Amino acid sequence: MALDTDELEPRKPKPALKDLSTLSVGELKDYIAGLEAEIARARTFIDAKEAHKNAAEAFFKKG
C-alpha cells in the first residue's frame, strides 16, 4: 500500500463562511471572480503535483 504524504499533514479547520447578505451584486461578482482565480491556482498546483508524482512513479517503475 502506497503512503500518501497528504495524510501525514495535520488537518486544517475549514474557514468560516463569509456573510454574503451584506454584499452588493458587484461585490458578489468580484468575490466570485476571486474565488474562481483561487480555484484555478489550486488546480495548477494539483496538476503540478500529479505530474511530479507520475514522473517519480515512472522513474521507479523503470528501475
Protein backbone atom coordinates (compact mmCIF):
# COMPACT_ATOMS: atom_id res chain seq x y z
CA MET A 1 0.00 0.00 0.00
CA ALA A 2 1.42 3.37 -1.03
CA LEU A 3 1.77 6.08 1.56
CA ASP A 4 0.13 9.36 0.65
CA THR A 5 2.11 12.22 2.18
CA ASP A 6 -1.04 14.36 2.34
CA GLU A 7 -2.29 12.02 5.05
CA LEU A 8 0.67 12.99 7.25
CA GLU A 9 -0.21 16.67 7.31
CA PRO A 10 -2.42 17.89 10.15
CA ARG A 11 -5.97 18.68 9.14
CA LYS A 12 -6.70 22.38 8.93
CA PRO A 13 -10.03 23.71 10.15
CA LYS A 14 -12.37 24.92 7.42
CA PRO A 15 -12.60 28.71 7.27
CA ALA A 16 -15.82 30.31 8.41
CA LEU A 17 -18.28 31.12 5.65
CA LYS A 18 -18.43 34.74 4.59
CA ASP A 19 -21.68 36.61 5.25
CA LEU A 20 -22.85 37.29 1.71
CA SER A 21 -26.04 39.09 2.71
CA THR A 22 -24.19 42.38 3.26
CA LEU A 23 -22.53 42.41 -0.19
CA SER A 24 -23.84 44.23 -3.26
CA VAL A 25 -24.24 42.48 -6.62
CA GLY A 26 -20.97 43.99 -7.81
CA GLU A 27 -19.17 42.89 -4.67
CA LEU A 28 -20.60 39.39 -5.05
CA LYS A 29 -19.35 39.24 -8.64
CA ASP A 30 -15.91 40.37 -7.51
CA TYR A 31 -15.98 37.78 -4.72
CA ILE A 32 -16.86 35.05 -7.22
CA ALA A 33 -14.07 36.19 -9.56
CA GLY A 34 -11.61 35.98 -6.68
CA LEU A 35 -12.81 32.50 -5.77
CA GLU A 36 -12.55 31.34 -9.38
CA ALA A 37 -8.99 32.68 -9.55
CA GLU A 38 -8.12 30.78 -6.37
CA ILE A 39 -9.71 27.60 -7.78
CA ALA A 40 -7.62 27.97 -10.94
CA ARG A 41 -4.50 28.44 -8.80
CA ALA A 42 -5.31 25.33 -6.78
CA ARG A 43 -5.89 23.32 -9.98
CA THR A 44 -2.49 24.43 -11.26
CA PHE A 45 -0.87 23.11 -8.09
CA ILE A 46 -2.80 19.86 -8.35
CA ASP A 47 -1.64 19.39 -11.95
CA ALA A 48 1.98 20.09 -10.97
CA LYS A 49 1.85 17.69 -8.03
CA GLU A 50 0.25 14.95 -10.12
CA ALA A 51 2.86 15.43 -12.85
CA HIS A 52 5.64 15.19 -10.26
CA LYS A 53 4.09 12.08 -8.73
CA ASN A 54 3.62 10.45 -12.14
CA ALA A 55 7.21 11.23 -13.12
CA ALA A 56 8.51 9.71 -9.90
CA GLU A 57 6.37 6.61 -10.33
CA ALA A 58 7.55 6.21 -13.93
CA PHE A 59 11.18 6.60 -12.87
CA PHE A 60 10.94 3.93 -10.19
CA LYS A 61 8.99 1.52 -12.38
CA LYS A 62 11.78 1.59 -14.98
CA GLY A 63 14.50 0.88 -12.42
